[in-house]
Amino acid sequence: MTPMNYPDLIEHFGSQGAVARAIGLSQPSVWEWQKNGVPEDRQLEFQKLTGGALKADPAVIEKYRALFGAAVESKASAA
């Protein structure tokens, strides 16, 4: 499994604007991810939103699981 990356996210949704609308952000916020990568918390959100078509980095899931336990399981349940 390849962890989520910016190009795959844009390809899945079709545009920066579509990504932004999917989670209620502005397009410029999504544009910033080109240089910094998809934020960890957003990776979990997109994994669930896409029914697992896009996968959060396993290290992200483990980090959040250690911090929040079962709450991460429900947020990323589409894995």
PDB file of N, CA and C in Angstrom:
ATOM      1  N   MET A   1       0.838  -1.181   0.000  1.00  0.00           N
ATOM      2  CA  MET A   1       0.000   0.000   0.000  1.00  0.00           C
ATOM      3  C   MET A   1       0.884   1.245   0.000  1.00  0.00           C
ATOM      4  N   THR A   2       0.574   2.173  -0.856  1.00  0.00           N
ATOM      5  CA  THR A   2       1.278   3.442  -0.914  1.00  0.00           C
ATOM      6  C   THR A   2       0.539   4.461  -0.052  1.00  0.00           C
ATOM      7  N   PRO A   3       1.252   5.128   0.860  1.00  0.00           N
ATOM      8  CA  PRO A   3       0.585   6.147   1.667  1.00  0.00           C
ATOM      9  C   PRO A   3       0.039   7.285   0.802  1.00  0.00           C
ATOM     10  N   MET A   4      -0.956   7.946   1.316  1.00  0.00           N
ATOM     11  CA  MET A   4      -1.612   9.032   0.601  1.00  0.00           C
ATOM     12  C   MET A   4      -0.619  10.132   0.233  1.00  0.00           C
ATOM     13  N   ASN A   5      -0.726  10.599  -1.003  1.00  0.00           N
ATOM     14  CA  ASN A   5       0.088  11.732  -1.417  1.00  0.00           C
ATOM     15  C   ASN A   5      -0.783  12.730  -2.168  1.00  0.00           C
ATOM     16  N   TYR A   6      -0.246  13.912  -2.339  1.00  0.00           N
ATOM     17  CA  TYR A   6      -0.996  15.014  -2.949  1.00  0.00           C
ATOM     18  C   TYR A   6      -1.477  14.694  -4.371  1.00  0.00           C
ATOM     19  N   PRO A   7      -0.612  14.203  -5.264  1.00  0.00           N
ATOM     20  CA  PRO A   7      -1.086  13.916  -6.632  1.00  0.00           C
ATOM     21  C   PRO A   7      -2.240  12.913  -6.670  1.00  0.00           C
ATOM     22  N   ASP A   8      -2.177  11.872  -5.829  1.00  0.00           N
ATOM     23  CA  ASP A   8      -3.266  10.890  -5.800  1.00  0.00           C
ATOM     24  C   ASP A   8      -4.567  11.521  -5.310  1.00  0.00           C
ATOM     25  N   LEU A   9      -4.461  12.413  -4.343  1.00  0.00           N
ATOM     26  CA  LEU A   9      -5.635  13.096  -3.809  1.00  0.00           C
ATOM     27  C   LEU A   9      -6.305  13.941  -4.891  1.00  0.00           C
ATOM     28  N   ILE A  10      -5.510  14.704  -5.627  1.00  0.00           N
ATOM     29  CA  ILE A  10      -6.053  15.544  -6.697  1.00  0.00           C
ATOM     30  C   ILE A  10      -6.636  14.680  -7.806  1.00  0.00           C
ATOM     31  N   GLU A  11      -5.944  13.606  -8.154  1.00  0.00           N
ATOM     32  CA  GLU A  11      -6.452  12.712  -9.194  1.00  0.00           C
ATOM     33  C   GLU A  11      -7.796  12.109  -8.791  1.00  0.00           C
ATOM     34  N   HIS A  12      -7.903  11.715  -7.539  1.00  0.00           N
ATOM     35  CA  HIS A  12      -9.150  11.094  -7.070  1.00  0.00           C
ATOM     36  C   HIS A  12     -10.327  12.073  -7.153  1.00  0.00           C
ATOM     37  N   PHE A  13     -10.123  13.295  -6.702  1.00  0.00           N
ATOM     38  CA  PHE A  13     -11.218  14.268  -6.648  1.00  0.00           C
ATOM     39  C   PHE A  13     -11.346  15.117  -7.907  1.00  0.00           C
ATOM     40  N   GLY A  14     -10.269  15.229  -8.687  1.00  0.00           N
ATOM     41  CA  GLY A  14     -10.337  15.949  -9.948  1.00  0.00           C
ATOM     42  C   GLY A  14      -9.737  17.340  -9.943  1.00  0.00           C
ATOM     43  N   SER A  15      -9.680  17.988  -8.780  1.00  0.00           N
ATOM     44  CA  SER A  15      -9.121  19.341  -8.705  1.00  0.00           C
ATOM     45  C   SER A  15      -8.897  19.725  -7.246  1.00  0.00           C
ATOM     46  N   GLN A  16      -8.094  20.765  -7.054  1.00  0.00           N
ATOM     47  CA  GLN A  16      -7.892  21.293  -5.708  1.00  0.00           C
ATOM     48  C   GLN A  16      -9.210  21.788  -5.120  1.00  0.00           C
ATOM     49  N   GLY A  17     -10.007  22.446  -5.950  1.00  0.00           N
ATOM     50  CA  GLY A  17     -11.291  22.958  -5.484  1.00  0.00           C
ATOM     51  C   GLY A  17     -12.217  21.852  -5.015  1.00  0.00           C
ATOM     52  N   ALA A  18     -12.225  20.738  -5.736  1.00  0.00           N
ATOM     53  CA  ALA A  18     -13.088  19.614  -5.351  1.00  0.00           C
ATOM     54  C   ALA A  18     -12.618  19.000  -4.033  1.00  0.00           C
ATOM     55  N   VAL A  19     -11.308  18.903  -3.852  1.00  0.00           N
ATOM     56  CA  VAL A  19     -10.770  18.406  -2.584  1.00  0.00           C
ATOM     57  C   VAL A  19     -11.217  19.325  -1.452  1.00  0.00           C
ATOM     58  N   ALA A  20     -11.056  20.610  -1.661  1.00  0.00           N
ATOM     59  CA  ALA A  20     -11.422  21.594  -0.636  1.00  0.00           C
ATOM     60  C   ALA A  20     -12.904  21.499  -0.290  1.00  0.00           C
ATOM     61  N   ARG A  21     -13.748  21.425  -1.295  1.00  0.00           N
ATOM     62  CA  ARG A  21     -15.198  21.343  -1.043  1.00  0.00           C
ATOM     63  C   ARG A  21     -15.567  20.067  -0.292  1.00  0.00           C
ATOM     64  N   ALA A  22     -14.858  18.991  -0.565  1.00  0.00           N
ATOM     65  CA  ALA A  22     -15.175  17.699   0.066  1.00  0.00           C
ATOM     66  C   ALA A  22     -15.057  17.752   1.582  1.00  0.00           C
ATOM     67  N   ILE A  23     -14.164  18.621   2.084  1.00  0.00           N
ATOM     68  CA  ILE A  23     -13.980  18.684   3.538  1.00  0.00           C
ATOM     69  C   ILE A  23     -14.155  20.079   4.114  1.00  0.00           C
ATOM     70  N   GLY A  24     -14.699  20.996   3.314  1.00  0.00           N
ATOM     71  CA  GLY A  24     -15.032  22.320   3.822  1.00  0.00           C
ATOM     72  C   GLY A  24     -13.854  23.254   4.045  1.00  0.00           C
ATOM     73  N   LEU A  25     -12.845  23.155   3.192  1.00  0.00           N
ATOM     74  CA  LEU A  25     -11.703  24.058   3.270  1.00  0.00           C
ATOM     75  C   LEU A  25     -11.687  24.979   2.062  1.00  0.00           C
ATOM     76  N   SER A  26     -10.772  25.933   2.086  1.00  0.00           N
ATOM     77  CA  SER A  26     -10.589  26.800   0.924  1.00  0.00           C
ATOM     78  C   SER A  26      -9.592  26.142  -0.031  1.00  0.00           C
ATOM     79  N   GLN A  27      -9.699  26.471  -1.308  1.00  0.00           N
ATOM     80  CA  GLN A  27      -8.770  25.921  -2.304  1.00  0.00           C
ATOM     81  C   GLN A  27      -7.320  26.303  -1.992  1.00  0.00           C
ATOM     82  N   PRO A  28      -7.039  27.546  -1.554  1.00  0.00           N
ATOM     83  CA  PRO A  28      -5.644  27.865  -1.222  1.00  0.00           C
ATOM     84  C   PRO A  28      -5.062  26.997  -0.096  1.00  0.00           C
ATOM     85  N   SER A  29      -5.907  26.561   0.827  1.00  0.00           N
ATOM     86  CA  SER A  29      -5.422  25.667   1.886  1.00  0.00           C
ATOM     87  C   SER A  29      -4.941  24.351   1.287  1.00  0.00           C
ATOM     88  N   VAL A  30      -5.711  23.824   0.360  1.00  0.00           N
ATOM     89  CA  VAL A  30      -5.338  22.567  -0.298  1.00  0.00           C
ATOM     90  C   VAL A  30      -4.096  22.783  -1.157  1.00  0.00           C
ATOM     91  N   TRP A  31      -3.997  23.927  -1.819  1.00  0.00           N
ATOM     92  CA  TRP A  31      -2.837  24.235  -2.647  1.00  0.00           C
ATOM     93  C   TRP A  31      -1.541  24.141  -1.841  1.00  0.00           C
ATOM     94  N   GLU A  32      -1.573  24.574  -0.578  1.00  0.00           N
ATOM     95  CA  GLU A  32      -0.397  24.529   0.291  1.00  0.00           C
ATOM     96  C   GLU A  32       0.134  23.110   0.483  1.00  0.00           C
ATOM     97  N   TRP A  33      -0.726  22.125   0.370  1.00  0.00           N
ATOM     98  CA  TRP A  33      -0.316  20.747   0.588  1.00  0.00           C
ATOM     99  C   TRP A  33       0.670  20.267  -0.467  1.00  0.00           C
ATOM    100  N   GLN A  34       0.756  20.962  -1.614  1.00  0.00           N
ATOM    101  CA  GLN A  34       1.709  20.572  -2.652  1.00  0.00           C
ATOM    102  C   GLN A  34       3.130  20.540  -2.099  1.00  0.00           C
ATOM    103  N   LYS A  35       3.465  21.497  -1.254  1.00  0.00           N
ATOM    104  CA  LYS A  35       4.827  21.559  -0.739  1.00  0.00           C
ATOM    105  C   LYS A  35       4.997  20.879   0.618  1.00  0.00           C
ATOM    106  N   ASN A  36       3.918  20.782   1.380  1.00  0.00           N
ATOM    107  CA  ASN A  36       4.030  20.231   2.731  1.00  0.00           C
ATOM    108  C   ASN A  36       3.417  18.840   2.895  1.00  0.00           C
ATOM    109  N   GLY A  37       2.743  18.345   1.870  1.00  0.00           N
ATOM    110  CA  GLY A  37       2.073  17.052   1.973  1.00  0.00           C
ATOM    111  C   GLY A  37       0.693  17.171   2.599  1.00  0.00           C
ATOM    112  N   VAL A  38      -0.075  16.114   2.504  1.00  0.00           N
ATOM    113  CA  VAL A  38      -1.425  16.073   3.067  1.00  0.00           C
ATOM    114  C   VAL A  38      -1.292  15.957   4.587  1.00  0.00           C
ATOM    115  N   PRO A  39      -1.887  16.896   5.339  1.00  0.00           N
ATOM    116  CA  PRO A  39      -1.768  16.847   6.803  1.00  0.00           C
ATOM    117  C   PRO A  39      -2.263  15.514   7.365  1.00  0.00           C
ATOM    118  N   GLU A  40      -1.629  15.107   8.445  1.00  0.00           N
ATOM    119  CA  GLU A  40      -1.939  13.805   9.036  1.00  0.00           C
ATOM    120  C   GLU A  40      -3.416  13.640   9.358  1.00  0.00           C
ATOM    121  N   ASP A  41      -4.004  14.626  10.030  1.00  0.00           N
ATOM    122  CA  ASP A  41      -5.409  14.486  10.417  1.00  0.00           C
ATOM    123  C   ASP A  41      -6.317  14.429   9.187  1.00  0.00           C
ATOM    124  N   ARG A  42      -5.932  15.117   8.140  1.00  0.00           N
ATOM    125  CA  ARG A  42      -6.731  15.092   6.911  1.00  0.00           C
ATOM    126  C   ARG A  42      -6.605  13.753   6.195  1.00  0.00           C
ATOM    127  N   GLN A  43      -5.445  13.101   6.325  1.00  0.00           N
ATOM    128  CA  GLN A  43      -5.293  11.780   5.719  1.00  0.00           C
ATOM    129  C   GLN A  43      -6.337  10.819   6.273  1.00  0.00           C
ATOM    130  N   LEU A  44      -6.529  10.847   7.567  1.00  0.00           N
ATOM    131  CA  LEU A  44      -7.541   9.981   8.185  1.00  0.00           C
ATOM    132  C   LEU A  44      -8.936  10.321   7.672  1.00  0.00           C
ATOM    133  N   GLU A  45      -9.204  11.607   7.554  1.00  0.00           N
ATOM    134  CA  GLU A  45     -10.507  12.059   7.071  1.00  0.00           C
ATOM    135  C   GLU A  45     -10.746  11.600   5.633  1.00  0.00           C
ATOM    136  N   PHE A  46      -9.740  11.739   4.768  1.00  0.00           N
ATOM    137  CA  PHE A  46      -9.896  11.327   3.377  1.00  0.00           C
ATOM    138  C   PHE A  46      -9.995   9.816   3.226  1.00  0.00           C
ATOM    139  N   GLN A  47      -9.316   9.080   4.082  1.00  0.00           N
ATOM    140  CA  GLN A  47      -9.431   7.626   4.022  1.00  0.00           C
ATOM    141  C   GLN A  47     -10.879   7.208   4.256  1.00  0.00           C
ATOM    142  N   LYS A  48     -11.485   7.800   5.259  1.00  0.00           N
ATOM    143  CA  LYS A  48     -12.884   7.478   5.551  1.00  0.00           C
ATOM    144  C   LYS A  48     -13.808   7.993   4.454  1.00  0.00           C
ATOM    145  N   LEU A  49     -13.595   9.217   4.011  1.00  0.00           N
ATOM    146  CA  LEU A  49     -14.437   9.848   3.000  1.00  0.00           C
ATOM    147  C   LEU A  49     -14.430   9.080   1.678  1.00  0.00           C
ATOM    148  N   THR A  50     -13.277   8.501   1.330  1.00  0.00           N
ATOM    149  CA  THR A  50     -13.166   7.788   0.052  1.00  0.00           C
ATOM    150  C   THR A  50     -13.427   6.296   0.190  1.00  0.00           C
ATOM    151  N   GLY A  51     -13.878   5.881   1.344  1.00  0.00           N
ATOM    152  CA  GLY A  51     -14.153   4.460   1.543  1.00  0.00           C
ATOM    153  C   GLY A  51     -12.909   3.598   1.428  1.00  0.00           C
ATOM    154  N   GLY A  52     -11.760   4.184   1.728  1.00  0.00           N
ATOM    155  CA  GLY A  52     -10.511   3.447   1.686  1.00  0.00           C
ATOM    156  C   GLY A  52      -9.812   3.482   0.339  1.00  0.00           C
ATOM    157  N   ALA A  53     -10.385   4.162  -0.652  1.00  0.00           N
ATOM    158  CA  ALA A  53      -9.718   4.276  -1.952  1.00  0.00           C
ATOM    159  C   ALA A  53      -8.386   5.003  -1.800  1.00  0.00           C
ATOM    160  N   LEU A  54      -8.332   5.976  -0.910  1.00  0.00           N
ATOM    161  CA  LEU A  54      -7.088   6.644  -0.532  1.00  0.00           C
ATOM    162  C   LEU A  54      -6.758   6.197   0.882  1.00  0.00           C
ATOM    163  N   LYS A  55      -5.522   5.822   1.114  1.00  0.00           N
ATOM    164  CA  LYS A  55      -5.120   5.284   2.417  1.00  0.00           C
ATOM    165  C   LYS A  55      -4.203   6.247   3.153  1.00  0.00           C
ATOM    166  N   ALA A  56      -4.497   6.460   4.428  1.00  0.00           N
ATOM    167  CA  ALA A  56      -3.606   7.235   5.279  1.00  0.00           C
ATOM    168  C   ALA A  56      -2.310   6.460   5.456  1.00  0.00           C
ATOM    169  N   ASP A  57      -1.234   7.177   5.645  1.00  0.00           N
ATOM    170  CA  ASP A  57       0.053   6.554   5.921  1.00  0.00           C
ATOM    171  C   ASP A  57      -0.099   5.691   7.183  1.00  0.00           C
ATOM    172  N   PRO A  58       0.340   4.428   7.152  1.00  0.00           N
ATOM    173  CA  PRO A  58       0.215   3.572   8.335  1.00  0.00           C
ATOM    174  C   PRO A  58       0.860   4.180   9.582  1.00  0.00           C
ATOM    175  N   ALA A  59       1.940   4.924   9.412  1.00  0.00           N
ATOM    176  CA  ALA A  59       2.577   5.567  10.568  1.00  0.00           C
ATOM    177  C   ALA A  59       1.659   6.612  11.192  1.00  0.00           C
ATOM    178  N   VAL A  60       0.875   7.283  10.360  1.00  0.00           N
ATOM    179  CA  VAL A  60      -0.093   8.269  10.856  1.00  0.00           C
ATOM    180  C   VAL A  60      -1.168   7.565  11.679  1.00  0.00           C
ATOM    181  N   ILE A  61      -1.680   6.475  11.161  1.00  0.00           N
ATOM    182  CA  ILE A  61      -2.718   5.725  11.882  1.00  0.00           C
ATOM    183  C   ILE A  61      -2.187   5.263  13.233  1.00  0.00           C
ATOM    184  N   GLU A  62      -0.975   4.725  13.255  1.00  0.00           N
ATOM    185  CA  GLU A  62      -0.396   4.248  14.514  1.00  0.00           C
ATOM    186  C   GLU A  62      -0.176   5.393  15.501  1.00  0.00           C
ATOM    187  N   LYS A  63       0.298   6.521  15.002  1.00  0.00           N
ATOM    188  CA  LYS A  63       0.527   7.678  15.871  1.00  0.00           C
ATOM    189  C   LYS A  63      -0.778   8.136  16.514  1.00  0.00           C
ATOM    190  N   TYR A  64      -1.820   8.266  15.716  1.00  0.00           N
ATOM    191  CA  TYR A  64      -3.107   8.733  16.245  1.00  0.00           C
ATOM    192  C   TYR A  64      -3.764   7.673  17.118  1.00  0.00           C
ATOM    193  N   ARG A  65      -3.554   6.411  16.790  1.00  0.00           N
ATOM    194  CA  ARG A  65      -4.096   5.340  17.623  1.00  0.00           C
ATOM    195  C   ARG A  65      -3.459   5.396  19.015  1.00  0.00           C
ATOM    196  N   ALA A  66      -2.161   5.642  19.066  1.00  0.00           N
ATOM    197  CA  ALA A  66      -1.468   5.731  20.352  1.00  0.00           C
ATOM    198  C   ALA A  66      -1.979   6.918  21.165  1.00  0.00           C
ATOM    199  N   LEU A  67      -2.324   8.000  20.479  1.00  0.00           N
ATOM    200  CA  LEU A  67      -2.808   9.189  21.173  1.00  0.00           C
ATOM    201  C   LEU A  67      -4.279   9.109  21.563  1.00  0.00           C
ATOM    202  N   PHE A  68      -5.100   8.557  20.659  1.00  0.00           N
ATOM    203  CA  PHE A  68      -6.546   8.637  20.842  1.00  0.00           C
ATOM    204  C   PHE A  68      -7.272   7.294  20.889  1.00  0.00           C
ATOM    205  N   GLY A  69      -6.567   6.219  20.723  1.00  0.00           N
ATOM    206  CA  GLY A  69      -7.156   4.894  20.831  1.00  0.00           C
ATOM    207  C   GLY A  69      -8.266   4.619  19.842  1.00  0.00           C
ATOM    208  N   ALA A  70      -9.393   4.146  20.351  1.00  0.00           N
ATOM    209  CA  ALA A  70     -10.513   3.700  19.518  1.00  0.00           C
ATOM    210  C   ALA A  70     -11.082   4.796  18.638  1.00  0.00           C
ATOM    211  N   ALA A  71     -10.928   6.036  19.020  1.00  0.00           N
ATOM    212  CA  ALA A  71     -11.461   7.141  18.188  1.00  0.00           C
ATOM    213  C   ALA A  71     -10.838   7.120  16.803  1.00  0.00           C
ATOM    214  N   VAL A  72      -9.576   6.726  16.713  1.00  0.00           N
ATOM    215  CA  VAL A  72      -8.910   6.638  15.408  1.00  0.00           C
ATOM    216  C   VAL A  72      -9.490   5.484  14.620  1.00  0.00           C
ATOM    217  N   GLU A  73      -9.790   4.398  15.288  1.00  0.00           N
ATOM    218  CA  GLU A  73     -10.385   3.264  14.596  1.00  0.00           C
ATOM    219  C   GLU A  73     -11.672   3.653  13.897  1.00  0.00           C
ATOM    220  N   SER A  74     -12.505   4.440  14.548  1.00  0.00           N
ATOM    221  CA  SER A  74     -13.766   4.827  13.914  1.00  0.00           C
ATOM    222  C   SER A  74     -13.546   5.853  12.819  1.00  0.00           C
ATOM    223  N   LYS A  75     -12.567   6.738  12.973  1.00  0.00           N
ATOM    224  CA  LYS A  75     -12.311   7.758  11.953  1.00  0.00           C
ATOM    225  C   LYS A  75     -11.733   7.141  10.682  1.00  0.00           C
ATOM    226  N   ALA A  76     -10.917   6.108  10.829  1.00  0.00           N
ATOM    227  CA  ALA A  76     -10.284   5.474   9.673  1.00  0.00           C
ATOM    228  C   ALA A  76     -10.876   4.103   9.391  1.00  0.00           C
ATOM    229  N   SER A  77     -12.080   3.882   9.797  1.00  0.00           N
ATOM    230  CA  SER A  77     -12.681   2.557   9.708  1.00  0.00           C
ATOM    231  C   SER A  77     -12.816   2.018   8.298  1.00  0.00           C
ATOM    232  N   ALA A  78     -12.680   2.848   7.311  1.00  0.00           N
ATOM    233  CA  ALA A  78     -12.817   2.396   5.937  1.00  0.00           C
ATOM    234  C   ALA A  78     -11.542   1.732   5.422  1.00  0.00           C
ATOM    235  N   ALA A  79     -10.556   1.578   6.280  1.00  0.00           N
ATOM    236  CA  ALA A  79      -9.268   1.013   5.843  1.00  0.00           C
ATOM    237  C   ALA A  79      -9.363  -0.380   5.415  1.00  0.00           C
TER     238      ALA A  79
END
